[in-house]
Amino acid sequence: MRVLLLHPEDQLPVGKAWDLVVDLGRAPVATYRRWSKDAGGRVISLYDFSNGFEDGHRIRKLLQLGLGRWVDNLGIDWWDVLSLMIEPNLRQLIRIRLLAKELEAGCELHASRPSGLVKALQMLIRAEQVHLEKGVGPVRRWAQHYRDAFSRLDTEQIRQVFQDKFDREHVVRRRFARNRRVSGDAVVLLPSAYVNVSRTASSYAGLLPSQKFLMVYARNSARLKTLPPNVASASLDPYFVTPDAVEAAVLENKWDSLKTHLIAASEEYSVANSVGMLDSIPRLLRWGIAVRDAWSQVFKSENIVGCLCADDSNPYTRIPLILASNGGIPTVACHHGALDSKMAVKVSHADTYIAKGEMERDYLLRACGVSAHRVMLGGQGLPTGPGPVKGLTQTRANWLVFFTEPYESAGWRSDEVYSNLLPELWSLGQGSGMKLVFKLHPFESVKGHRRMLRK
């Protein structure tokens, strides 16, 4: 049995027959039907082995194995913070294990390029070797990847990418940053690292004109040009300081102990370690310590009386929420998108979580297990309260909203999705007189979608 594992950035090889092609990304059904004819065999996605909320419950148990074992002097559990960044890899390992159970022993395993998932499957089915398909070389593939990625970004977004990659600990940025003039006023902190988070947080702040807020953005791309009158803004850059090397070494040693515990506790972590999926943790820790120290300086400098966090998964914004909670400061969290998929697997540190509507409230209570007394309905235009909203007037809008984020951040082959979906949405809009509105992922520009529509 010839099996091909197809990397999400690769296309199906032309002129070759396969018994099974497993796409490590995912695409519309129409794409796999077309590819099946070309491959002469079955084409599926690794995501076909997903089990919905059951996967979330399994991930939650896996993450809980490491809680309480890697805590610093400020009460931050670094596994609680950093494990959310490898959580997508753990989900993929769960799917790979299910795929391995369906493959025949001794099958001929091919891959379009090497990866941790390919190594994991090779280990699980005990394949002697993985045959790599001949295609573009690593250097050319690297250049093609960045060319495609940068073609979708504008100048400011490209600048942000370089800062994130080459100045992770803000060593350069802090040298050119201006210090904020501290007023001493009591403010509610609005931490942000993405523009959509800033927009959501500032919109809630605008509902309380008598309360002063301070938005501190960790990345320049999160800065808003206009804010409500009661919201001041500042960059996190000038608050970065030189980390304590001794503390960093102690925490890295604690990570080594935790990793040993995790590997012994579950097969997923054992496989993850063997294929290098845990190798990024020490680097993430050093970045996280720098971010934590910067936020600590914010709390020392400002008179912060509350914290409203619109993204409690990203370390840039999760860390200040934890620091506020540990310091006895009232905390509120919400999500800048429709539903937060990580709410089912992470520890919630906020005193109160704002649900934008009944659907999100039901999701938080039933799917994520959040206590009812901690969830409050408070979306804009909705009366704030713990119970259901009644008597809302439904209006018919003349626009159709297309959310691109799931297709840009959840393993989808976005070009395949857009080429199948956008023409249909466009035809629907033209036929019904509706306008097509794009809700873009933070790291997208509209030019890529315009190009697809022109096609």
Protein backbone atom coordinates (compact mmCIF):
# COMPACT_ATOMS: atom_id res chain seq x y z
CA MET A 1 0.00 0.00 0.00
CA ARG A 2 1.50 3.31 -1.14
CA VAL A 3 0.60 6.17 1.22
CA LEU A 4 1.50 9.81 0.60
CA LEU A 5 1.48 12.43 3.35
CA LEU A 6 0.94 15.77 1.66
CA HIS A 7 2.25 18.90 3.40
CA PRO A 8 -0.35 21.74 3.59
CA GLU A 9 1.83 23.98 1.39
CA ASP A 10 2.40 21.33 -1.31
CA GLN A 11 0.23 20.35 -4.24
CA LEU A 12 -0.57 16.78 -5.29
CA PRO A 13 2.32 15.38 -7.39
CA VAL A 14 1.40 15.06 -11.05
CA GLY A 15 1.50 11.74 -12.87
CA LYS A 16 1.79 9.41 -9.87
CA ALA A 17 -0.64 6.86 -8.52
CA TRP A 18 -1.35 6.38 -4.81
CA ASP A 19 -3.48 3.99 -2.80
CA LEU A 20 -4.03 6.71 -0.20
CA VAL A 21 -3.18 10.40 -0.01
CA VAL A 22 -3.48 12.05 3.39
CA ASP A 23 -3.55 15.84 3.28
CA LEU A 24 -1.97 17.22 6.45
CA GLY A 25 -3.98 20.36 5.80
CA ARG A 26 -7.61 20.46 4.77
CA ALA A 27 -9.60 21.57 1.78
CA PRO A 28 -13.19 21.44 0.48
CA VAL A 29 -14.66 18.07 -0.50
CA ALA A 30 -14.65 19.17 -4.15
CA THR A 31 -10.86 19.47 -4.02
CA TYR A 32 -10.39 15.92 -2.75
CA ARG A 33 -12.79 14.55 -5.36
CA ARG A 34 -10.69 16.18 -8.08
CA TRP A 35 -7.44 14.95 -6.55
CA SER A 36 -8.77 11.38 -6.20
CA LYS A 37 -9.21 11.18 -9.96
CA ASP A 38 -5.65 12.40 -10.50
CA ALA A 39 -4.13 10.12 -7.84
CA GLY A 40 -6.09 7.00 -8.80
CA GLY A 41 -6.86 6.36 -5.15
CA ARG A 42 -8.49 7.72 -2.04
CA VAL A 43 -7.65 11.26 -0.89
CA ILE A 44 -8.55 12.33 2.64
CA SER A 45 -7.57 14.98 5.16
CA LEU A 46 -5.87 14.30 8.48
CA TYR A 47 -8.62 16.48 9.94
CA ASP A 48 -11.12 13.72 9.02
CA PHE A 49 -9.85 12.02 12.18
CA SER A 50 -11.05 14.87 14.38
CA ASN A 51 -13.66 14.05 17.01
CA GLY A 52 -14.96 17.49 17.84
CA PHE A 53 -15.31 18.21 21.54
CA GLU A 54 -13.88 14.80 22.43
CA ASP A 55 -10.52 16.01 21.13
CA GLY A 56 -10.88 19.12 23.27
CA HIS A 57 -11.55 17.05 26.37
CA ARG A 58 -8.50 14.88 25.63
CA ILE A 59 -6.32 17.97 25.10
CA ARG A 60 -7.57 19.48 28.35
CA LYS A 61 -6.53 16.35 30.25
CA LEU A 62 -3.13 16.37 28.56
CA LEU A 63 -2.51 20.00 29.45
CA GLN A 64 -3.63 19.45 33.03
CA LEU A 65 -0.84 16.89 33.46
CA GLY A 66 1.68 19.71 33.63
CA LEU A 67 -0.15 22.31 35.71
CA GLY A 68 1.27 23.43 39.06
CA ARG A 69 4.77 22.10 38.42
CA TRP A 70 6.43 25.10 36.73
CA VAL A 71 5.53 28.22 38.71
CA ASP A 72 7.72 31.31 39.10
CA ASN A 73 8.01 33.78 41.98
CA LEU A 74 5.17 35.92 40.59
CA GLY A 75 2.76 33.00 40.56
CA ILE A 76 2.80 32.45 36.80
CA ASP A 77 2.54 28.81 35.79
CA TRP A 78 4.62 28.73 32.63
CA TRP A 79 3.08 25.49 31.43
CA ASP A 80 -0.35 27.15 31.70
CA VAL A 81 0.94 29.98 29.47
CA LEU A 82 3.19 28.23 26.95
CA SER A 83 1.31 24.95 26.49
CA LEU A 84 -1.39 26.82 24.57
CA MET A 85 1.20 27.52 21.87
CA ILE A 86 1.90 23.82 21.25
CA GLU A 87 -1.73 22.78 21.72
CA PRO A 88 -2.36 22.64 17.92
CA ASN A 89 0.54 20.18 17.58
CA LEU A 90 -0.96 17.96 20.28
CA ARG A 91 -4.26 17.93 18.39
CA GLN A 92 -2.42 16.82 15.25
CA LEU A 93 -0.70 14.02 17.18
CA ILE A 94 -4.08 12.74 18.36
CA ARG A 95 -5.21 12.61 14.72
CA ILE A 96 -1.98 10.94 13.60
CA ARG A 97 -2.47 8.20 16.19
CA LEU A 98 -5.96 7.51 14.81
CA LEU A 99 -4.60 7.46 11.25
CA ALA A 100 -1.87 5.00 12.29
CA LYS A 101 -4.49 2.55 13.52
CA GLU A 102 -6.04 2.40 10.03
CA LEU A 103 -2.84 1.86 8.06
CA GLU A 104 -1.54 -1.56 7.19
CA ALA A 105 1.65 -2.78 8.79
CA GLY A 106 4.59 -2.40 6.47
CA CYS A 107 2.91 0.09 4.16
CA GLU A 108 5.11 2.12 1.86
CA LEU A 109 5.20 5.60 3.40
CA HIS A 110 5.92 8.66 1.26
CA ALA A 111 5.91 12.35 2.15
CA SER A 112 6.04 15.54 0.11
CA ARG A 113 8.49 16.98 2.68
CA PRO A 114 9.84 16.01 6.13
CA SER A 115 8.00 17.20 9.24
CA GLY A 116 7.34 16.27 12.83
CA LEU A 117 4.01 14.69 11.90
CA VAL A 118 5.68 12.50 9.27
CA LYS A 119 8.22 11.33 11.86
CA ALA A 120 5.42 10.66 14.34
CA LEU A 121 3.51 8.46 11.90
CA GLN A 122 6.69 6.62 10.98
CA MET A 123 7.27 5.85 14.67
CA LEU A 124 3.69 4.76 15.30
CA ILE A 125 3.48 2.34 12.36
CA ARG A 126 7.15 1.32 12.67
CA ALA A 127 7.90 2.11 9.04
CA GLU A 128 11.52 1.43 8.11
CA GLN A 129 11.85 4.63 6.13
CA VAL A 130 9.97 7.54 4.62
CA HIS A 131 10.38 8.12 0.90
CA LEU A 132 10.56 11.83 0.18
CA GLU A 133 8.98 12.95 -3.07
CA LYS A 134 11.23 14.86 -5.42
CA GLY A 135 10.09 18.42 -5.85
CA VAL A 136 11.39 21.88 -5.20
CA GLY A 137 14.47 21.97 -2.98
CA PRO A 138 14.41 23.29 0.60
CA VAL A 139 15.89 26.67 -0.35
CA ARG A 140 13.52 27.19 -3.25
CA ARG A 141 10.61 25.99 -1.14
CA TRP A 142 11.59 28.42 1.64
CA ALA A 143 11.73 31.28 -0.87
CA GLN A 144 8.39 30.30 -2.37
CA HIS A 145 6.77 30.12 1.08
CA TYR A 146 7.83 33.62 2.02
CA ARG A 147 7.02 35.01 -1.40
CA ASP A 148 3.46 33.69 -1.12
CA ALA A 149 3.13 34.87 2.47
CA PHE A 150 4.46 38.37 1.83
CA SER A 151 2.28 38.78 -1.26
CA ARG A 152 -0.74 38.86 1.05
CA LEU A 153 0.69 41.43 3.46
CA ASP A 154 1.06 45.18 3.27
CA THR A 155 4.22 47.07 4.25
CA GLU A 156 3.29 47.54 7.90
CA GLN A 157 2.41 43.86 8.29
CA ILE A 158 5.73 42.81 6.73
CA ARG A 159 7.59 45.09 9.14
CA GLN A 160 5.71 43.46 12.03
CA VAL A 161 6.67 39.98 10.81
CA PHE A 162 10.36 40.91 10.84
CA GLN A 163 10.09 42.40 14.33
CA ASP A 164 8.36 39.29 15.66
CA LYS A 165 10.98 37.03 14.12
CA PHE A 166 14.22 38.91 14.76
CA ASP A 167 13.41 41.02 17.84
CA ARG A 168 11.29 38.67 19.89
CA GLU A 169 12.42 40.07 23.25
CA HIS A 170 12.08 43.71 22.10
CA VAL A 171 15.78 44.41 22.62
CA VAL A 172 15.92 46.72 19.58
CA ARG A 173 12.42 48.15 19.84
CA ARG A 174 12.82 49.29 23.42
CA ARG A 175 15.86 51.42 22.51
CA PHE A 176 13.78 53.58 20.17
CA ALA A 177 10.61 53.69 22.27
CA ARG A 178 9.37 56.78 24.07
CA ASN A 179 8.57 56.52 27.74
CA ARG A 180 4.98 57.23 28.67
CA ARG A 181 4.21 60.18 30.90
CA VAL A 182 2.45 58.61 33.90
CA SER A 183 -0.63 60.54 35.05
CA GLY A 184 -1.33 58.60 38.24
CA ASP A 185 -5.01 58.27 37.35
CA ALA A 186 -6.81 55.05 38.22
CA VAL A 187 -7.08 53.13 34.93
CA VAL A 188 -8.38 49.81 33.69
CA LEU A 189 -5.69 48.04 31.67
CA LEU A 190 -6.49 46.92 28.12
CA PRO A 191 -3.62 44.64 26.98
CA SER A 192 -3.42 43.93 23.26
CA ALA A 193 -1.15 42.35 20.66
CA TYR A 194 -3.46 42.36 17.61
CA VAL A 195 -5.61 45.02 16.02
CA ASN A 196 -8.83 43.00 16.38
CA VAL A 197 -8.15 42.65 20.10
CA SER A 198 -7.62 46.41 20.36
CA ARG A 199 -10.86 47.13 18.54
CA THR A 200 -12.85 44.81 20.77
CA ALA A 201 -11.34 46.10 24.01
CA SER A 202 -11.74 49.75 23.04
CA SER A 203 -15.36 49.19 22.01
CA TYR A 204 -16.18 47.88 25.48
CA ALA A 205 -14.24 50.72 27.09
CA GLY A 206 -16.30 53.19 25.10
CA LEU A 207 -19.43 51.94 26.85
CA LEU A 208 -18.10 53.32 30.17
CA PRO A 209 -17.22 56.96 29.43
CA SER A 210 -16.76 57.86 33.11
CA GLN A 211 -14.01 55.24 33.60
CA LYS A 212 -10.47 55.82 32.33
CA PHE A 213 -8.74 53.03 30.42
CA LEU A 214 -5.15 52.48 29.32
CA MET A 215 -4.53 50.36 26.24
CA VAL A 216 -0.99 48.97 26.20
CA TYR A 217 -0.15 47.36 22.88
CA ALA A 218 2.66 44.80 22.77
CA ARG A 219 3.07 45.04 18.99
CA ASN A 220 2.81 48.11 16.79
CA SER A 221 0.25 46.42 14.56
CA ALA A 222 -2.18 46.48 17.51
CA ARG A 223 -2.13 50.28 17.74
CA LEU A 224 -5.36 52.07 16.82
CA LYS A 225 -5.40 55.46 15.12
CA THR A 226 -8.60 56.52 16.88
CA LEU A 227 -9.78 55.65 20.38
CA PRO A 228 -12.70 56.66 22.61
CA PRO A 229 -12.01 59.83 24.63
CA ASN A 230 -11.65 57.84 27.86
CA VAL A 231 -8.96 55.50 26.45
CA ALA A 232 -5.26 56.40 26.45
CA SER A 233 -2.71 54.21 24.70
CA ALA A 234 0.95 53.31 25.14
CA SER A 235 3.45 50.87 23.70
CA LEU A 236 4.80 48.03 25.81
CA ASP A 237 8.25 48.50 24.23
CA PRO A 238 9.73 51.01 26.74
CA TYR A 239 8.79 48.75 29.67
CA PHE A 240 11.08 45.90 28.57
CA VAL A 241 14.13 45.36 30.77
CA THR A 242 17.10 43.00 30.78
CA PRO A 243 15.90 39.61 32.12
CA ASP A 244 17.45 37.94 35.14
CA ALA A 245 19.74 35.25 33.69
CA VAL A 246 19.85 33.32 36.97
CA GLU A 247 16.07 33.07 37.19
CA ALA A 248 15.89 32.03 33.52
CA ALA A 249 18.36 29.19 34.18
CA VAL A 250 16.35 28.01 37.20
CA LEU A 251 13.12 27.99 35.20
CA GLU A 252 14.78 26.11 32.33
CA ASN A 253 15.88 23.42 34.80
CA LYS A 254 12.32 23.20 36.07
CA TRP A 255 11.18 22.71 32.46
CA ASP A 256 13.55 19.76 32.10
CA SER A 257 11.95 18.14 35.16
CA LEU A 258 8.44 18.86 33.87
CA LYS A 259 9.27 17.46 30.44
CA THR A 260 10.46 14.20 32.02
CA HIS A 261 7.18 13.99 33.93
CA LEU A 262 5.06 14.64 30.82
CA ILE A 263 6.91 12.08 28.69
CA ALA A 264 6.34 9.42 31.33
CA ALA A 265 2.68 10.40 31.76
CA SER A 266 1.38 10.01 28.19
CA GLU A 267 2.30 8.60 24.80
CA GLU A 268 1.40 11.89 23.11
CA TYR A 269 4.16 13.74 24.97
CA SER A 270 6.59 10.89 24.42
CA VAL A 271 6.03 11.03 20.67
CA ALA A 272 6.02 14.84 20.68
CA ASN A 273 9.41 14.87 22.37
CA SER A 274 10.87 12.26 20.02
CA VAL A 275 9.95 14.25 16.92
CA GLY A 276 11.06 17.62 18.32
CA MET A 277 7.69 19.22 19.02
CA LEU A 278 8.76 20.25 22.53
CA ASP A 279 12.06 21.77 21.44
CA SER A 280 10.61 25.26 21.11
CA ILE A 281 9.63 25.54 24.79
CA PRO A 282 12.97 26.90 26.16
CA ARG A 283 13.01 29.61 23.48
CA LEU A 284 9.40 30.49 24.22
CA LEU A 285 10.24 30.64 27.93
CA ARG A 286 12.98 33.23 27.38
CA TRP A 287 10.54 35.34 25.35
CA GLY A 288 7.83 34.86 27.96
CA ILE A 289 10.09 36.00 30.81
CA ALA A 290 10.89 39.20 28.89
CA VAL A 291 7.17 39.81 28.29
CA ARG A 292 6.33 39.12 31.95
CA ASP A 293 8.99 41.54 33.18
CA ALA A 294 7.69 44.26 30.85
CA TRP A 295 4.14 43.88 32.13
CA SER A 296 5.45 43.88 35.70
CA GLN A 297 6.95 47.30 34.99
CA VAL A 298 3.56 48.48 33.70
CA PHE A 299 1.86 47.42 36.94
CA LYS A 300 4.58 49.13 38.99
CA SER A 301 4.35 52.37 36.99
CA GLU A 302 0.60 52.74 36.50
CA ASN A 303 -2.32 52.94 38.92
CA ILE A 304 -4.14 49.91 37.52
CA VAL A 305 -7.49 49.15 39.16
CA GLY A 306 -8.80 46.57 36.68
CA CYS A 307 -7.90 44.52 33.63
CA LEU A 308 -10.07 43.82 30.57
CA CYS A 309 -8.48 41.21 28.30
CA ALA A 310 -9.92 40.47 24.86
CA ASP A 311 -7.52 37.58 24.16
CA ASP A 312 -6.54 35.43 27.14
CA SER A 313 -4.73 32.79 25.04
CA ASN A 314 -1.84 34.76 23.57
CA PRO A 315 1.02 35.08 26.12
CA TYR A 316 1.35 38.78 25.31
CA THR A 317 -2.12 39.35 26.78
CA ARG A 318 -2.60 36.28 28.99
CA ILE A 319 0.38 37.20 31.19
CA PRO A 320 -0.95 40.63 32.29
CA LEU A 321 -4.33 39.06 33.03
CA ILE A 322 -2.66 36.51 35.33
CA LEU A 323 -0.51 39.19 36.98
CA ALA A 324 -3.62 41.27 37.66
CA SER A 325 -5.51 38.28 39.05
CA ASN A 326 -2.59 37.27 41.27
CA GLY A 327 -2.38 40.85 42.52
CA GLY A 328 -6.02 40.95 43.58
CA ILE A 329 -7.02 43.32 40.77
CA PRO A 330 -10.53 42.70 39.29
CA THR A 331 -10.31 41.01 35.89
CA VAL A 332 -12.68 40.61 32.95
CA ALA A 333 -12.06 38.61 29.78
CA CYS A 334 -13.84 38.30 26.45
CA HIS A 335 -12.97 37.09 22.97
CA HIS A 336 -12.38 39.30 19.96
CA GLY A 337 -13.83 36.73 17.56
CA ALA A 338 -17.04 34.74 17.44
CA LEU A 339 -16.07 31.79 19.68
CA ASP A 340 -12.78 31.02 21.41
CA SER A 341 -11.85 27.41 20.61
CA LYS A 342 -9.24 27.33 23.39
CA MET A 343 -11.81 28.02 26.13
CA ALA A 344 -12.48 24.27 26.19
CA VAL A 345 -8.88 23.43 27.08
CA LYS A 346 -7.34 26.31 29.06
CA VAL A 347 -7.52 27.59 32.61
CA SER A 348 -9.68 30.71 32.88
CA HIS A 349 -8.08 33.38 35.09
CA ALA A 350 -10.69 36.13 34.76
CA ASP A 351 -13.24 36.86 37.46
CA THR A 352 -15.88 37.40 34.77
CA TYR A 353 -16.13 36.36 31.14
CA ILE A 354 -18.27 38.43 28.78
CA ALA A 355 -20.36 36.51 26.24
CA LYS A 356 -21.46 38.52 23.23
CA GLY A 357 -24.71 36.61 22.81
CA GLU A 358 -26.73 33.54 23.75
CA MET A 359 -24.79 31.28 21.38
CA GLU A 360 -21.44 32.14 22.95
CA ARG A 361 -22.89 31.85 26.45
CA ASP A 362 -24.25 28.38 25.68
CA TYR A 363 -20.87 27.39 24.20
CA LEU A 364 -19.00 28.56 27.29
CA LEU A 365 -21.33 26.79 29.70
CA ARG A 366 -22.01 23.49 27.94
CA ALA A 367 -18.95 22.89 25.76
CA CYS A 368 -16.26 24.57 27.86
CA GLY A 369 -17.58 23.95 31.35
CA VAL A 370 -17.25 27.55 32.53
CA SER A 371 -19.25 28.22 35.71
CA ALA A 372 -22.50 30.04 35.01
CA HIS A 373 -21.87 32.69 37.68
CA ARG A 374 -18.68 33.76 35.87
CA VAL A 375 -20.34 34.33 32.47
CA MET A 376 -22.19 37.56 31.75
CA LEU A 377 -24.03 38.60 28.61
CA GLY A 378 -22.68 41.95 27.55
CA GLY A 379 -22.21 42.26 23.83
CA GLN A 380 -22.63 45.71 22.36
CA GLY A 381 -26.28 46.45 21.88
CA LEU A 382 -27.27 43.84 24.47
CA PRO A 383 -28.34 44.65 28.02
CA THR A 384 -25.73 43.42 30.52
CA GLY A 385 -26.93 40.65 32.80
CA PRO A 386 -26.36 37.02 33.80
CA GLY A 387 -29.54 35.65 32.26
CA PRO A 388 -30.89 35.21 28.73
CA VAL A 389 -31.75 38.21 26.63
CA LYS A 390 -35.37 38.49 25.61
CA GLY A 391 -37.30 40.70 23.33
CA LEU A 392 -34.49 41.66 20.96
CA THR A 393 -35.68 43.16 17.72
CA GLN A 394 -34.43 41.28 14.69
CA THR A 395 -33.55 43.37 11.67
CA ARG A 396 -32.69 42.33 8.15
CA ALA A 397 -29.31 43.58 7.02
CA ASN A 398 -28.29 44.01 3.39
CA TRP A 399 -24.80 42.56 3.86
CA LEU A 400 -23.22 39.14 4.12
CA VAL A 401 -20.17 38.75 6.40
CA PHE A 402 -17.39 36.33 5.46
CA PHE A 403 -15.01 35.44 8.33
CA THR A 404 -11.62 34.48 6.89
CA GLU A 405 -9.85 33.70 10.19
CA PRO A 406 -10.81 29.99 10.37
CA TYR A 407 -9.39 29.44 6.90
CA GLU A 408 -6.14 31.29 7.61
CA SER A 409 -5.31 29.87 11.04
CA ALA A 410 -6.78 26.37 11.29
CA GLY A 411 -4.91 24.35 8.68
CA TRP A 412 -7.07 25.13 5.66
CA ARG A 413 -5.76 25.43 2.13
CA SER A 414 -7.15 28.93 1.84
CA ASP A 415 -6.74 29.23 -1.93
CA GLU A 416 -8.81 26.09 -2.43
CA VAL A 417 -11.45 27.37 -0.01
CA TYR A 418 -11.66 30.78 -1.60
CA SER A 419 -11.70 29.47 -5.18
CA ASN A 420 -14.66 27.23 -4.27
CA LEU A 421 -16.49 29.48 -1.84
CA LEU A 422 -15.97 33.08 -2.92
CA PRO A 423 -17.58 32.75 -6.36
CA GLU A 424 -20.65 31.22 -4.71
CA LEU A 425 -20.82 33.99 -2.09
CA TRP A 426 -20.31 36.61 -4.77
CA SER A 427 -23.14 35.17 -6.88
CA LEU A 428 -25.39 34.99 -3.82
CA GLY A 429 -24.66 38.60 -2.97
CA GLN A 430 -25.26 39.79 -6.53
CA GLY A 431 -28.51 37.87 -6.82
CA SER A 432 -29.94 39.09 -3.51
CA GLY A 433 -28.59 42.64 -3.57
CA MET A 434 -26.37 41.99 -0.53
CA LYS A 435 -22.90 43.38 -0.01
CA LEU A 436 -20.07 40.94 0.69
CA VAL A 437 -18.13 42.07 3.79
CA PHE A 438 -14.78 40.49 4.72
CA LYS A 439 -13.87 40.00 8.37
CA LEU A 440 -10.13 39.53 7.89
CA HIS A 441 -7.60 37.62 9.95
CA PRO A 442 -5.23 40.09 11.71
CA PHE A 443 -2.32 39.08 9.46
CA GLU A 444 -4.14 39.45 6.17
CA SER A 445 -4.61 42.24 3.70
CA VAL A 446 -7.59 42.53 1.41
CA LYS A 447 -5.48 42.48 -1.75
CA GLY A 448 -5.21 38.68 -1.74
CA HIS A 449 -8.99 38.32 -1.66
CA ARG A 450 -9.46 40.93 -4.37
CA ARG A 451 -7.05 38.94 -6.55
CA MET A 452 -9.07 35.77 -5.95
CA LEU A 453 -12.35 37.53 -6.79
CA ARG A 454 -10.88 38.82 -10.04
CA LYS A 455 -10.01 35.26 -10.98
